[in-house]
Amino acid sequence: MKARDGLAAPVLALCCLLPWLGVASAAAPVRAEAEGSPTPVATFGDERITESSGLAVSHHHPGVLWTINDSGDEPRLYAIGEDGTVRAVLTLGGVVASDFEALAGGPADSLWVADIGDNDAERSTVAVHAITEPETLRSAVVVPQSYELRYPDGAHDAEALLVHPRTGRVSIVTKSLLGAAFYLAPRQLHTDGVNRLVRGPEAPAVVTDGAWAPDGSRLALRGYGSAQVLSAPGQPARTVDLPRQPQGESLAWSLDGRAMLVGSEGEGSTVYRVPVGQDAQPVETASPQPRPPGLRDDTGVGVRRVGRVALLVVVVLVVGGVAAASRLLRR
């Protein structure tokens, strides 16, 4: 996502404050103990890669990562070697890129590109494109299977695409301060019509990418400063701190499922390996106590949400005022 010049500072500041406001997750997360220090994997050295917004690990070519640029680039995937150089470029034939935001691996060595960005929430449909990863690494034009998708409740901005490694089920996680959710695609996608998404469980706020682990036992969703690992959508999560990045917008799992790989937009950005461990399963929260008869299930939750919204409004006003004052001083 390209941050608007006038709003970049307040939005990023607000995102940094979200964990402290208690709205970063639909299910209260538990902080994960450190599994090891993040280590750099590759630094993108090609001048064409300035807004890396999606990440996938190659199944055919050891040490190779696939990435895409955010909006503004041609519809293409870059194969990146361990030295950070481009090994090959795959151009999606017949595709017009609107706002590419995510890249995911799927069954049968498939790679899925998600054209799902919608900063102004005005698109009537979004799209995903699937190709098979080539066994030979060379630049080429490839024709994907393209699928048009529509939300059931209006347009949404999104930056995370999940493709289950065993079933191939596609889902999108919307990006929002409040009201974010998982949206599931039909089990069988069709190329000759619009595929209707179904709203699923609530999702954390401001998700910039996500991915299923290679064995499908858990998934990870990232924000700008941390990631959450959970066994399934809507389940309890544990939080993993991520290294500081200019604008962290990509996530993939290592092939062994022991670590997450996280990247960022920006020229010369670095991808880091963040150890998680195979045994780092989500921590279950205590079972809720029975409610007295006649007490609504949302009693208390609504009050907390109102309080959080009020606090968000205060933060937005304060940060917006600082940004406005800064602009006046620069005049």
C-alpha atoms as a PDB file:
ATOM      1  CA  MET A   1       0.000   0.000   0.000  1.00  0.00           C
ATOM      2  CA  LYS A   2       1.299   3.424  -0.916  1.00  0.00           C
ATOM      3  CA  ALA A   3       0.893   5.725   2.067  1.00  0.00           C
ATOM      4  CA  ARG A   4      -0.604   9.084   1.171  1.00  0.00           C
ATOM      5  CA  ASP A   5       1.858  11.886   1.894  1.00  0.00           C
ATOM      6  CA  GLY A   6      -0.449  13.816   4.217  1.00  0.00           C
ATOM      7  CA  LEU A   7      -1.663  10.771   6.109  1.00  0.00           C
ATOM      8  CA  ALA A   8       1.428   8.557   6.239  1.00  0.00           C
ATOM      9  CA  ALA A   9       2.702   9.771   9.609  1.00  0.00           C
ATOM     10  CA  PRO A  10      -0.577   9.642  11.535  1.00  0.00           C
ATOM     11  CA  VAL A  11      -1.593   6.293  10.035  1.00  0.00           C
ATOM     12  CA  LEU A  12       1.724   4.617  10.808  1.00  0.00           C
ATOM     13  CA  ALA A  13       1.788   6.120  14.284  1.00  0.00           C
ATOM     14  CA  LEU A  14      -1.728   4.894  14.928  1.00  0.00           C
ATOM     15  CA  CYS A  15      -0.809   1.391  13.712  1.00  0.00           C
ATOM     16  CA  CYS A  16       2.082   1.331  16.167  1.00  0.00           C
ATOM     17  CA  LEU A  17      -0.325   2.209  18.978  1.00  0.00           C
ATOM     18  CA  LEU A  18      -2.910  -0.448  18.121  1.00  0.00           C
ATOM     19  CA  PRO A  19      -1.444  -3.230  20.295  1.00  0.00           C
ATOM     20  CA  TRP A  20      -1.564  -0.886  23.280  1.00  0.00           C
ATOM     21  CA  LEU A  21      -5.215  -0.087  22.521  1.00  0.00           C
ATOM     22  CA  GLY A  22      -6.195  -3.738  22.694  1.00  0.00           C
ATOM     23  CA  VAL A  23      -7.699  -3.901  19.206  1.00  0.00           C
ATOM     24  CA  ALA A  24      -4.939  -5.781  17.431  1.00  0.00           C
ATOM     25  CA  SER A  25      -6.686  -9.141  17.565  1.00  0.00           C
ATOM     26  CA  ALA A  26     -10.151 -10.629  17.471  1.00  0.00           C
ATOM     27  CA  ALA A  27      -8.961 -13.237  19.980  1.00  0.00           C
ATOM     28  CA  ALA A  28      -6.724 -11.971  22.790  1.00  0.00           C
ATOM     29  CA  PRO A  29      -3.140 -12.898  21.841  1.00  0.00           C
ATOM     30  CA  VAL A  30      -0.514 -14.367  24.124  1.00  0.00           C
ATOM     31  CA  ARG A  31       3.041 -13.111  23.724  1.00  0.00           C
ATOM     32  CA  ALA A  32       5.363 -15.810  22.406  1.00  0.00           C
ATOM     33  CA  GLU A  33       8.682 -16.503  24.050  1.00  0.00           C
ATOM     34  CA  ALA A  34      11.682 -15.804  21.842  1.00  0.00           C
ATOM     35  CA  GLU A  35      12.680 -18.764  19.666  1.00  0.00           C
ATOM     36  CA  GLY A  36      15.849 -17.094  18.393  1.00  0.00           C
ATOM     37  CA  SER A  37      17.047 -13.896  16.800  1.00  0.00           C
ATOM     38  CA  PRO A  38      15.849 -12.801  13.365  1.00  0.00           C
ATOM     39  CA  THR A  39      18.507 -13.212  10.675  1.00  0.00           C
ATOM     40  CA  PRO A  40      18.691 -11.568   7.229  1.00  0.00           C
ATOM     41  CA  VAL A  41      17.996 -13.888   4.321  1.00  0.00           C
ATOM     42  CA  ALA A  42      18.334 -11.622   1.293  1.00  0.00           C
ATOM     43  CA  THR A  43      18.418  -7.950   0.401  1.00  0.00           C
ATOM     44  CA  PHE A  44      16.697  -6.981  -2.813  1.00  0.00           C
ATOM     45  CA  GLY A  45      19.303  -5.262  -4.957  1.00  0.00           C
ATOM     46  CA  ASP A  46      17.374  -4.852  -8.195  1.00  0.00           C
ATOM     47  CA  GLU A  47      16.138  -1.320  -8.856  1.00  0.00           C
ATOM     48  CA  ARG A  48      12.844  -2.678 -10.204  1.00  0.00           C
ATOM     49  CA  ILE A  49      11.845  -3.998  -6.782  1.00  0.00           C
ATOM     50  CA  THR A  50      10.881  -0.919  -4.801  1.00  0.00           C
ATOM     51  CA  GLU A  51       7.587  -1.971  -3.187  1.00  0.00           C
ATOM     52  CA  SER A  52       7.843  -5.663  -2.386  1.00  0.00           C
ATOM     53  CA  SER A  53       4.362  -6.492  -1.121  1.00  0.00           C
ATOM     54  CA  GLY A  54       4.175 -10.285  -1.297  1.00  0.00           C
ATOM     55  CA  LEU A  55       6.481 -13.213  -0.663  1.00  0.00           C
ATOM     56  CA  ALA A  56       6.574 -16.942  -1.457  1.00  0.00           C
ATOM     57  CA  VAL A  57       9.266 -19.595  -1.103  1.00  0.00           C
ATOM     58  CA  SER A  58      10.234 -21.612  -4.161  1.00  0.00           C
ATOM     59  CA  HIS A  59       9.556 -25.361  -4.042  1.00  0.00           C
ATOM     60  CA  HIS A  60      11.747 -26.136  -7.050  1.00  0.00           C
ATOM     61  CA  HIS A  61      14.734 -23.850  -6.618  1.00  0.00           C
ATOM     62  CA  PRO A  62      16.576 -23.906  -3.253  1.00  0.00           C
ATOM     63  CA  GLY A  63      17.197 -20.477  -1.783  1.00  0.00           C
ATOM     64  CA  VAL A  64      14.901 -18.687  -4.243  1.00  0.00           C
ATOM     65  CA  LEU A  65      12.119 -16.360  -3.135  1.00  0.00           C
ATOM     66  CA  TRP A  66       9.292 -15.007  -5.261  1.00  0.00           C
ATOM     67  CA  THR A  67       8.021 -11.462  -4.787  1.00  0.00           C
ATOM     68  CA  ILE A  68       5.740  -8.899  -6.425  1.00  0.00           C
ATOM     69  CA  ASN A  69       5.585  -5.130  -6.366  1.00  0.00           C
ATOM     70  CA  ASP A  70       2.669  -3.109  -5.085  1.00  0.00           C
ATOM     71  CA  SER A  71       0.536  -1.062  -7.486  1.00  0.00           C
ATOM     72  CA  GLY A  72       2.338   0.741 -10.285  1.00  0.00           C
ATOM     73  CA  ASP A  73       4.331  -2.188 -11.648  1.00  0.00           C
ATOM     74  CA  GLU A  74       3.542  -4.508 -14.524  1.00  0.00           C
ATOM     75  CA  PRO A  75       1.829  -7.837 -13.674  1.00  0.00           C
ATOM     76  CA  ARG A  76       4.987  -9.795 -12.929  1.00  0.00           C
ATOM     77  CA  LEU A  77       6.691 -12.001 -10.375  1.00  0.00           C
ATOM     78  CA  TYR A  78      10.379 -11.792  -9.548  1.00  0.00           C
ATOM     79  CA  ALA A  79      12.511 -14.791  -8.603  1.00  0.00           C
ATOM     80  CA  ILE A  80      15.159 -13.610  -6.136  1.00  0.00           C
ATOM     81  CA  GLY A  81      18.342 -15.506  -5.332  1.00  0.00           C
ATOM     82  CA  GLU A  82      20.100 -15.615  -1.972  1.00  0.00           C
ATOM     83  CA  ASP A  83      22.384 -12.805  -3.154  1.00  0.00           C
ATOM     84  CA  GLY A  84      19.362 -10.553  -3.692  1.00  0.00           C
ATOM     85  CA  THR A  85      19.596 -10.505  -7.490  1.00  0.00           C
ATOM     86  CA  VAL A  86      16.734 -11.253  -9.875  1.00  0.00           C
ATOM     87  CA  ARG A  87      17.088 -14.749 -11.351  1.00  0.00           C
ATOM     88  CA  ALA A  88      13.977 -14.628 -13.536  1.00  0.00           C
ATOM     89  CA  VAL A  89      10.846 -12.585 -14.196  1.00  0.00           C
ATOM     90  CA  LEU A  90       7.451 -14.142 -14.930  1.00  0.00           C
ATOM     91  CA  THR A  91       5.001 -11.804 -16.634  1.00  0.00           C
ATOM     92  CA  LEU A  92       1.303 -12.670 -16.356  1.00  0.00           C
ATOM     93  CA  GLY A  93      -0.059 -12.653 -19.885  1.00  0.00           C
ATOM     94  CA  GLY A  94      -3.488 -11.095 -20.420  1.00  0.00           C
ATOM     95  CA  VAL A  95      -3.564  -9.572 -16.921  1.00  0.00           C
ATOM     96  CA  VAL A  96      -3.977  -5.891 -16.098  1.00  0.00           C
ATOM     97  CA  ALA A  97      -2.606  -5.159 -12.627  1.00  0.00           C
ATOM     98  CA  SER A  98      -4.780  -2.860 -10.549  1.00  0.00           C
ATOM     99  CA  ASP A  99      -3.289  -3.167  -7.046  1.00  0.00           C
ATOM    100  CA  PHE A 100      -1.228  -6.306  -6.430  1.00  0.00           C
ATOM    101  CA  GLU A 101      -0.891  -6.835  -2.678  1.00  0.00           C
ATOM    102  CA  ALA A 102      -0.161 -10.491  -1.881  1.00  0.00           C
ATOM    103  CA  LEU A 103       1.552 -13.627  -3.106  1.00  0.00           C
ATOM    104  CA  ALA A 104       0.916 -17.142  -1.801  1.00  0.00           C
ATOM    105  CA  GLY A 105       2.047 -20.671  -2.493  1.00  0.00           C
ATOM    106  CA  GLY A 106      -0.546 -23.405  -2.870  1.00  0.00           C
ATOM    107  CA  PRO A 107      -0.914 -27.110  -3.656  1.00  0.00           C
ATOM    108  CA  ALA A 108       0.776 -28.677  -6.690  1.00  0.00           C
ATOM    109  CA  ASP A 109       3.526 -26.037  -6.712  1.00  0.00           C
ATOM    110  CA  SER A 110       1.045 -23.284  -7.522  1.00  0.00           C
ATOM    111  CA  LEU A 111       1.729 -19.580  -7.018  1.00  0.00           C
ATOM    112  CA  TRP A 112      -1.177 -17.221  -6.419  1.00  0.00           C
ATOM    113  CA  VAL A 113      -1.072 -13.470  -7.017  1.00  0.00           C
ATOM    114  CA  ALA A 114      -3.755 -11.376  -5.314  1.00  0.00           C
ATOM    115  CA  ASP A 115      -4.960  -8.173  -6.937  1.00  0.00           C
ATOM    116  CA  ILE A 116      -6.968  -7.180  -3.860  1.00  0.00           C
ATOM    117  CA  GLY A 117      -5.752  -3.728  -2.828  1.00  0.00           C
ATOM    118  CA  ASP A 118      -8.492  -1.111  -2.592  1.00  0.00           C
ATOM    119  CA  ASN A 119      -7.447   1.866  -0.497  1.00  0.00           C
ATOM    120  CA  ASP A 120     -10.630   3.797  -1.280  1.00  0.00           C
ATOM    121  CA  ALA A 121     -12.963   0.758  -1.005  1.00  0.00           C
ATOM    122  CA  GLU A 122     -14.479   1.365  -4.428  1.00  0.00           C
ATOM    123  CA  ARG A 123     -13.816  -1.818  -6.425  1.00  0.00           C
ATOM    124  CA  SER A 124     -16.868  -3.945  -7.234  1.00  0.00           C
ATOM    125  CA  THR A 125     -14.684  -7.057  -7.606  1.00  0.00           C
ATOM    126  CA  VAL A 126     -11.113  -8.138  -6.948  1.00  0.00           C
ATOM    127  CA  ALA A 127      -9.055 -10.902  -8.549  1.00  0.00           C
ATOM    128  CA  VAL A 128      -6.574 -13.687  -7.901  1.00  0.00           C
ATOM    129  CA  HIS A 129      -4.318 -15.274 -10.515  1.00  0.00           C
ATOM    130  CA  ALA A 130      -2.795 -18.767 -10.262  1.00  0.00           C
ATOM    131  CA  ILE A 131       0.194 -20.227 -12.121  1.00  0.00           C
ATOM    132  CA  THR A 132       2.374 -23.298 -11.677  1.00  0.00           C
ATOM    133  CA  GLU A 133       5.921 -22.561 -10.573  1.00  0.00           C
ATOM    134  CA  PRO A 134       8.225 -23.409 -13.482  1.00  0.00           C
ATOM    135  CA  GLU A 135      10.805 -26.160 -13.027  1.00  0.00           C
ATOM    136  CA  THR A 136      13.281 -24.189 -15.124  1.00  0.00           C
ATOM    137  CA  LEU A 137      14.154 -20.753 -13.832  1.00  0.00           C
ATOM    138  CA  ARG A 138      14.042 -18.346 -16.759  1.00  0.00           C
ATOM    139  CA  SER A 139      12.095 -15.235 -17.688  1.00  0.00           C
ATOM    140  CA  ALA A 140       8.893 -15.915 -19.582  1.00  0.00           C
ATOM    141  CA  VAL A 141       5.318 -14.847 -20.197  1.00  0.00           C
ATOM    142  CA  VAL A 142       2.858 -17.202 -18.507  1.00  0.00           C
ATOM    143  CA  VAL A 143      -0.923 -17.253 -18.833  1.00  0.00           C
ATOM    144  CA  PRO A 144      -2.587 -17.727 -15.430  1.00  0.00           C
ATOM    145  CA  GLN A 145      -5.934 -19.039 -14.339  1.00  0.00           C
ATOM    146  CA  SER A 146      -7.712 -15.877 -13.230  1.00  0.00           C
ATOM    147  CA  TYR A 147     -10.634 -15.710 -10.827  1.00  0.00           C
ATOM    148  CA  GLU A 148     -12.869 -12.729 -10.119  1.00  0.00           C
ATOM    149  CA  LEU A 149     -14.126 -12.381  -6.528  1.00  0.00           C
ATOM    150  CA  ARG A 150     -16.825 -10.273  -4.874  1.00  0.00           C
ATOM    151  CA  TYR A 151     -17.371  -9.520  -1.187  1.00  0.00           C
ATOM    152  CA  PRO A 152     -20.881 -10.121   0.171  1.00  0.00           C
ATOM    153  CA  ASP A 153     -20.991  -6.807   2.048  1.00  0.00           C
ATOM    154  CA  GLY A 154     -19.381  -4.183  -0.154  1.00  0.00           C
ATOM    155  CA  ALA A 155     -15.844  -3.269  -1.080  1.00  0.00           C
ATOM    156  CA  HIS A 156     -12.878  -3.778   1.275  1.00  0.00           C
ATOM    157  CA  ASP A 157      -9.181  -3.053   1.234  1.00  0.00           C
ATOM    158  CA  ALA A 158      -7.047  -6.158   1.734  1.00  0.00           C
ATOM    159  CA  GLU A 159      -3.398  -7.168   1.642  1.00  0.00           C
ATOM    160  CA  ALA A 160      -3.413 -10.818   2.765  1.00  0.00           C
ATOM    161  CA  LEU A 161      -4.172 -13.902   0.673  1.00  0.00           C
ATOM    162  CA  LEU A 162      -4.257 -17.369   2.239  1.00  0.00           C
ATOM    163  CA  VAL A 163      -4.180 -20.545   0.140  1.00  0.00           C
ATOM    164  CA  HIS A 164      -4.405 -23.754   2.162  1.00  0.00           C
ATOM    165  CA  PRO A 165      -1.465 -26.010   1.227  1.00  0.00           C
ATOM    166  CA  ARG A 166      -3.583 -29.183   1.185  1.00  0.00           C
ATOM    167  CA  THR A 167      -7.116 -28.222   0.198  1.00  0.00           C
ATOM    168  CA  GLY A 168      -6.250 -25.204  -1.949  1.00  0.00           C
ATOM    169  CA  ARG A 169      -9.078 -23.214  -0.323  1.00  0.00           C
ATOM    170  CA  VAL A 170      -8.568 -19.505  -0.935  1.00  0.00           C
ATOM    171  CA  SER A 171      -9.363 -16.833   1.623  1.00  0.00           C
ATOM    172  CA  ILE A 172      -8.704 -13.118   1.963  1.00  0.00           C
ATOM    173  CA  VAL A 173      -8.085 -11.174   5.165  1.00  0.00           C
ATOM    174  CA  THR A 174      -9.246  -7.581   4.984  1.00  0.00           C
ATOM    175  CA  LYS A 175      -7.188  -4.682   6.283  1.00  0.00           C
ATOM    176  CA  SER A 176      -9.057  -2.407   8.665  1.00  0.00           C
ATOM    177  CA  LEU A 177      -8.692  -0.731  12.038  1.00  0.00           C
ATOM    178  CA  LEU A 178     -12.053  -2.153  13.103  1.00  0.00           C
ATOM    179  CA  GLY A 179     -14.219  -4.855  11.569  1.00  0.00           C
ATOM    180  CA  ALA A 180     -11.531  -6.790   9.698  1.00  0.00           C
ATOM    181  CA  ALA A 181     -12.443 -10.365   8.833  1.00  0.00           C
ATOM    182  CA  PHE A 182     -11.581 -13.540   6.959  1.00  0.00           C
ATOM    183  CA  TYR A 183     -13.472 -13.982   3.688  1.00  0.00           C
ATOM    184  CA  LEU A 184     -13.618 -17.476   2.226  1.00  0.00           C
ATOM    185  CA  ALA A 185     -13.840 -18.205  -1.482  1.00  0.00           C
ATOM    186  CA  PRO A 186     -15.875 -21.128  -2.840  1.00  0.00           C
ATOM    187  CA  ARG A 187     -14.134 -24.497  -2.611  1.00  0.00           C
ATOM    188  CA  GLN A 188     -14.251 -24.694  -6.384  1.00  0.00           C
ATOM    189  CA  LEU A 189     -13.356 -21.453  -8.134  1.00  0.00           C
ATOM    190  CA  HIS A 190     -14.705 -20.672 -11.605  1.00  0.00           C
ATOM    191  CA  THR A 191     -13.056 -18.617 -14.329  1.00  0.00           C
ATOM    192  CA  ASP A 192     -16.284 -17.885 -16.233  1.00  0.00           C
ATOM    193  CA  GLY A 193     -18.086 -15.817 -13.603  1.00  0.00           C
ATOM    194  CA  VAL A 194     -17.778 -13.901 -10.375  1.00  0.00           C
ATOM    195  CA  ASN A 195     -16.996 -16.021  -7.309  1.00  0.00           C
ATOM    196  CA  ARG A 196     -18.846 -14.834  -4.208  1.00  0.00           C
ATOM    197  CA  LEU A 197     -16.853 -14.646  -0.981  1.00  0.00           C
ATOM    198  CA  VAL A 198     -18.368 -15.606   2.376  1.00  0.00           C
ATOM    199  CA  ARG A 199     -17.556 -13.630   5.512  1.00  0.00           C
ATOM    200  CA  GLY A 200     -15.859 -15.726   8.185  1.00  0.00           C
ATOM    201  CA  PRO A 201     -14.410 -15.019  11.650  1.00  0.00           C
ATOM    202  CA  GLU A 202     -13.112 -11.654  12.772  1.00  0.00           C
ATOM    203  CA  ALA A 203      -9.467 -10.890  12.006  1.00  0.00           C
ATOM    204  CA  PRO A 204      -6.805  -8.768  13.679  1.00  0.00           C
ATOM    205  CA  ALA A 205      -6.614  -5.103  12.758  1.00  0.00           C
ATOM    206  CA  VAL A 206      -4.269  -3.844  10.031  1.00  0.00           C
ATOM    207  CA  VAL A 207      -3.155  -7.195   8.604  1.00  0.00           C
ATOM    208  CA  THR A 208      -0.568  -6.595   5.869  1.00  0.00           C
ATOM    209  CA  ASP A 209       0.000 -10.243   4.895  1.00  0.00           C
ATOM    210  CA  GLY A 210      -0.571 -13.814   5.975  1.00  0.00           C
ATOM    211  CA  ALA A 211       0.224 -17.419   5.096  1.00  0.00           C
ATOM    212  CA  TRP A 212      -0.558 -21.006   6.053  1.00  0.00           C
ATOM    213  CA  ALA A 213       2.300 -23.137   7.377  1.00  0.00           C
ATOM    214  CA  PRO A 214       3.444 -25.795   4.872  1.00  0.00           C
ATOM    215  CA  ASP A 215       1.607 -28.611   6.676  1.00  0.00           C
ATOM    216  CA  GLY A 216      -1.590 -26.598   7.121  1.00  0.00           C
ATOM    217  CA  SER A 217      -1.493 -26.937  10.911  1.00  0.00           C
ATOM    218  CA  ARG A 218      -1.448 -23.185  11.609  1.00  0.00           C
ATOM    219  CA  LEU A 219      -1.349 -19.826   9.944  1.00  0.00           C
ATOM    220  CA  ALA A 220       0.362 -16.523  10.561  1.00  0.00           C
ATOM    221  CA  LEU A 221      -0.925 -12.988  10.063  1.00  0.00           C
ATOM    222  CA  ARG A 222       1.415 -10.029  10.220  1.00  0.00           C
ATOM    223  CA  GLY A 223       1.075  -6.343  10.917  1.00  0.00           C
ATOM    224  CA  TYR A 224       3.761  -3.687  10.746  1.00  0.00           C
ATOM    225  CA  GLY A 225       5.511  -4.712  13.974  1.00  0.00           C
ATOM    226  CA  SER A 226       4.376  -8.202  14.961  1.00  0.00           C
ATOM    227  CA  ALA A 227       2.769 -11.391  13.715  1.00  0.00           C
ATOM    228  CA  GLN A 228       0.133 -13.645  15.200  1.00  0.00           C
ATOM    229  CA  VAL A 229       0.237 -17.433  14.908  1.00  0.00           C
ATOM    230  CA  LEU A 230      -3.038 -19.326  15.234  1.00  0.00           C
ATOM    231  CA  SER A 231      -4.307 -22.824  14.459  1.00  0.00           C
ATOM    232  CA  ALA A 232      -7.265 -21.624  12.383  1.00  0.00           C
ATOM    233  CA  PRO A 233      -9.214 -18.433  11.644  1.00  0.00           C
ATOM    234  CA  GLY A 234     -10.879 -17.094  14.770  1.00  0.00           C
ATOM    235  CA  GLN A 235      -8.825 -19.251  17.150  1.00  0.00           C
ATOM    236  CA  PRO A 236      -6.627 -17.992  20.045  1.00  0.00           C
ATOM    237  CA  ALA A 237      -3.341 -16.538  18.852  1.00  0.00           C
ATOM    238  CA  ARG A 238       0.151 -15.974  20.134  1.00  0.00           C
ATOM    239  CA  THR A 239       2.158 -12.939  19.125  1.00  0.00           C
ATOM    240  CA  VAL A 240       5.656 -13.008  17.659  1.00  0.00           C
ATOM    241  CA  ASP A 241       7.671  -9.798  17.519  1.00  0.00           C
ATOM    242  CA  LEU A 242       9.120  -8.938  14.112  1.00  0.00           C
ATOM    243  CA  PRO A 243      12.269  -6.980  13.276  1.00  0.00           C
ATOM    244  CA  ARG A 244      11.862  -3.292  12.557  1.00  0.00           C
ATOM    245  CA  GLN A 245      11.213  -2.669   8.866  1.00  0.00           C
ATOM    246  CA  PRO A 246      10.390   0.468   6.865  1.00  0.00           C
ATOM    247  CA  GLN A 247       6.935  -0.829   5.910  1.00  0.00           C
ATOM    248  CA  GLY A 248       6.538  -4.527   6.680  1.00  0.00           C
ATOM    249  CA  GLU A 249       4.073  -5.940   4.161  1.00  0.00           C
ATOM    250  CA  SER A 250       5.030  -9.514   3.300  1.00  0.00           C
ATOM    251  CA  LEU A 251       5.165 -12.885   5.036  1.00  0.00           C
ATOM    252  CA  ALA A 252       5.848 -16.500   4.055  1.00  0.00           C
ATOM    253  CA  TRP A 253       6.752 -19.679   5.930  1.00  0.00           C
ATOM    254  CA  SER A 254      10.044 -21.503   5.535  1.00  0.00           C
ATOM    255  CA  LEU A 255       9.623 -24.912   3.894  1.00  0.00           C
ATOM    256  CA  ASP A 256      10.350 -26.704   7.180  1.00  0.00           C
ATOM    257  CA  GLY A 257       7.681 -24.691   9.019  1.00  0.00           C
ATOM    258  CA  ARG A 258      10.115 -23.591  11.721  1.00  0.00           C
ATOM    259  CA  ALA A 259      10.317 -19.914  10.783  1.00  0.00           C
ATOM    260  CA  MET A 260       8.546 -17.052   9.111  1.00  0.00           C
ATOM    261  CA  LEU A 261      10.147 -14.984   6.377  1.00  0.00           C
ATOM    262  CA  VAL A 262       9.135 -11.327   6.491  1.00  0.00           C
ATOM    263  CA  GLY A 263       9.839  -8.547   4.034  1.00  0.00           C
ATOM    264  CA  SER A 264       9.174  -4.861   3.539  1.00  0.00           C
ATOM    265  CA  GLU A 265       8.434  -2.280   0.909  1.00  0.00           C
ATOM    266  CA  GLY A 266      11.186   0.178   0.036  1.00  0.00           C
ATOM    267  CA  GLU A 267      14.288   0.179  -2.129  1.00  0.00           C
ATOM    268  CA  GLY A 268      16.935  -2.310  -1.055  1.00  0.00           C
ATOM    269  CA  SER A 269      14.627  -3.929   1.500  1.00  0.00           C
ATOM    270  CA  THR A 270      15.743  -6.990   3.462  1.00  0.00           C
ATOM    271  CA  VAL A 271      13.889 -10.251   4.083  1.00  0.00           C
ATOM    272  CA  TYR A 272      14.398 -11.694   7.580  1.00  0.00           C
ATOM    273  CA  ARG A 273      13.987 -15.218   8.894  1.00  0.00           C
ATOM    274  CA  VAL A 274      12.124 -15.146  12.212  1.00  0.00           C
ATOM    275  CA  PRO A 275      12.310 -18.475  14.110  1.00  0.00           C
ATOM    276  CA  VAL A 276       8.996 -19.764  15.422  1.00  0.00           C
ATOM    277  CA  GLY A 277       9.587 -23.478  15.952  1.00  0.00           C
ATOM    278  CA  GLN A 278       7.383 -26.415  15.046  1.00  0.00           C
ATOM    279  CA  ASP A 279       6.091 -26.656  18.593  1.00  0.00           C
ATOM    280  CA  ALA A 280       5.050 -22.999  18.784  1.00  0.00           C
ATOM    281  CA  GLN A 281       1.341 -23.702  18.733  1.00  0.00           C
ATOM    282  CA  PRO A 282      -1.184 -21.058  19.788  1.00  0.00           C
ATOM    283  CA  VAL A 283      -1.714 -20.835  23.538  1.00  0.00           C
ATOM    284  CA  GLU A 284      -5.266 -21.652  24.553  1.00  0.00           C
ATOM    285  CA  THR A 285      -7.068 -19.115  26.689  1.00  0.00           C
ATOM    286  CA  ALA A 286      -9.133 -20.029  29.717  1.00  0.00           C
ATOM    287  CA  SER A 287     -12.656 -21.283  29.077  1.00  0.00           C
ATOM    288  CA  PRO A 288     -15.246 -18.540  29.575  1.00  0.00           C
ATOM    289  CA  GLN A 289     -17.440 -18.748  32.646  1.00  0.00           C
ATOM    290  CA  PRO A 290     -21.192 -19.385  32.117  1.00  0.00           C
ATOM    291  CA  ARG A 291     -23.233 -16.208  31.866  1.00  0.00           C
ATOM    292  CA  PRO A 292     -26.182 -15.579  34.173  1.00  0.00           C
ATOM    293  CA  PRO A 293     -29.585 -16.212  32.533  1.00  0.00           C
ATOM    294  CA  GLY A 294     -30.921 -13.250  30.581  1.00  0.00           C
ATOM    295  CA  LEU A 295     -27.512 -11.578  30.148  1.00  0.00           C
ATOM    296  CA  ARG A 296     -26.696 -10.870  26.509  1.00  0.00           C
ATOM    297  CA  ASP A 297     -23.538 -12.443  25.126  1.00  0.00           C
ATOM    298  CA  ASP A 298     -22.201  -9.088  23.985  1.00  0.00           C
ATOM    299  CA  THR A 299     -22.670  -7.398  27.370  1.00  0.00           C
ATOM    300  CA  GLY A 300     -19.351  -5.895  28.398  1.00  0.00           C
ATOM    301  CA  VAL A 301     -17.800  -6.518  24.981  1.00  0.00           C
ATOM    302  CA  GLY A 302     -19.797  -3.642  23.552  1.00  0.00           C
ATOM    303  CA  VAL A 303     -18.664  -1.375  26.362  1.00  0.00           C
ATOM    304  CA  ARG A 304     -15.049  -2.314  25.791  1.00  0.00           C
ATOM    305  CA  ARG A 305     -15.409  -1.715  22.079  1.00  0.00           C
ATOM    306  CA  VAL A 306     -16.981   1.695  22.668  1.00  0.00           C
ATOM    307  CA  GLY A 307     -14.096   2.570  24.970  1.00  0.00           C
ATOM    308  CA  ARG A 308     -11.575   1.428  22.391  1.00  0.00           C
ATOM    309  CA  VAL A 309     -13.272   3.363  19.622  1.00  0.00           C
ATOM    310  CA  ALA A 310     -13.309   6.491  21.801  1.00  0.00           C
ATOM    311  CA  LEU A 311      -9.613   6.058  22.497  1.00  0.00           C
ATOM    312  CA  LEU A 312      -8.940   5.537  18.795  1.00  0.00           C
ATOM    313  CA  VAL A 313     -10.775   8.772  17.997  1.00  0.00           C
ATOM    314  CA  VAL A 314      -8.648  10.645  20.533  1.00  0.00           C
ATOM    315  CA  VAL A 315      -5.446   9.187  19.112  1.00  0.00           C
ATOM    316  CA  VAL A 316      -6.469  10.023  15.538  1.00  0.00           C
ATOM    317  CA  LEU A 317      -7.277  13.613  16.504  1.00  0.00           C
ATOM    318  CA  VAL A 318      -4.006  14.064  18.382  1.00  0.00           C
ATOM    319  CA  VAL A 319      -1.828  12.503  15.699  1.00  0.00           C
ATOM    320  CA  GLY A 320      -3.741  14.317  12.964  1.00  0.00           C
ATOM    321  CA  GLY A 321      -3.207  17.610  14.780  1.00  0.00           C
ATOM    322  CA  VAL A 322       0.518  16.945  15.051  1.00  0.00           C
ATOM    323  CA  ALA A 323       0.675  16.131  11.334  1.00  0.00           C
ATOM    324  CA  ALA A 324      -1.257  19.301  10.435  1.00  0.00           C
ATOM    325  CA  ALA A 325       0.995  21.430  12.599  1.00  0.00           C
ATOM    326  CA  SER A 326       4.021  19.844  10.983  1.00  0.00           C
ATOM    327  CA  ARG A 327       2.719  20.710   7.513  1.00  0.00           C
ATOM    328  CA  LEU A 328       2.109  24.322   8.571  1.00  0.00           C
ATOM    329  CA  LEU A 329       5.643  24.606   9.898  1.00  0.00           C
ATOM    330  CA  ARG A 330       7.047  23.303   6.608  1.00  0.00           C
ATOM    331  CA  ARG A 331       5.254  25.951   4.571  1.00  0.00           C
END
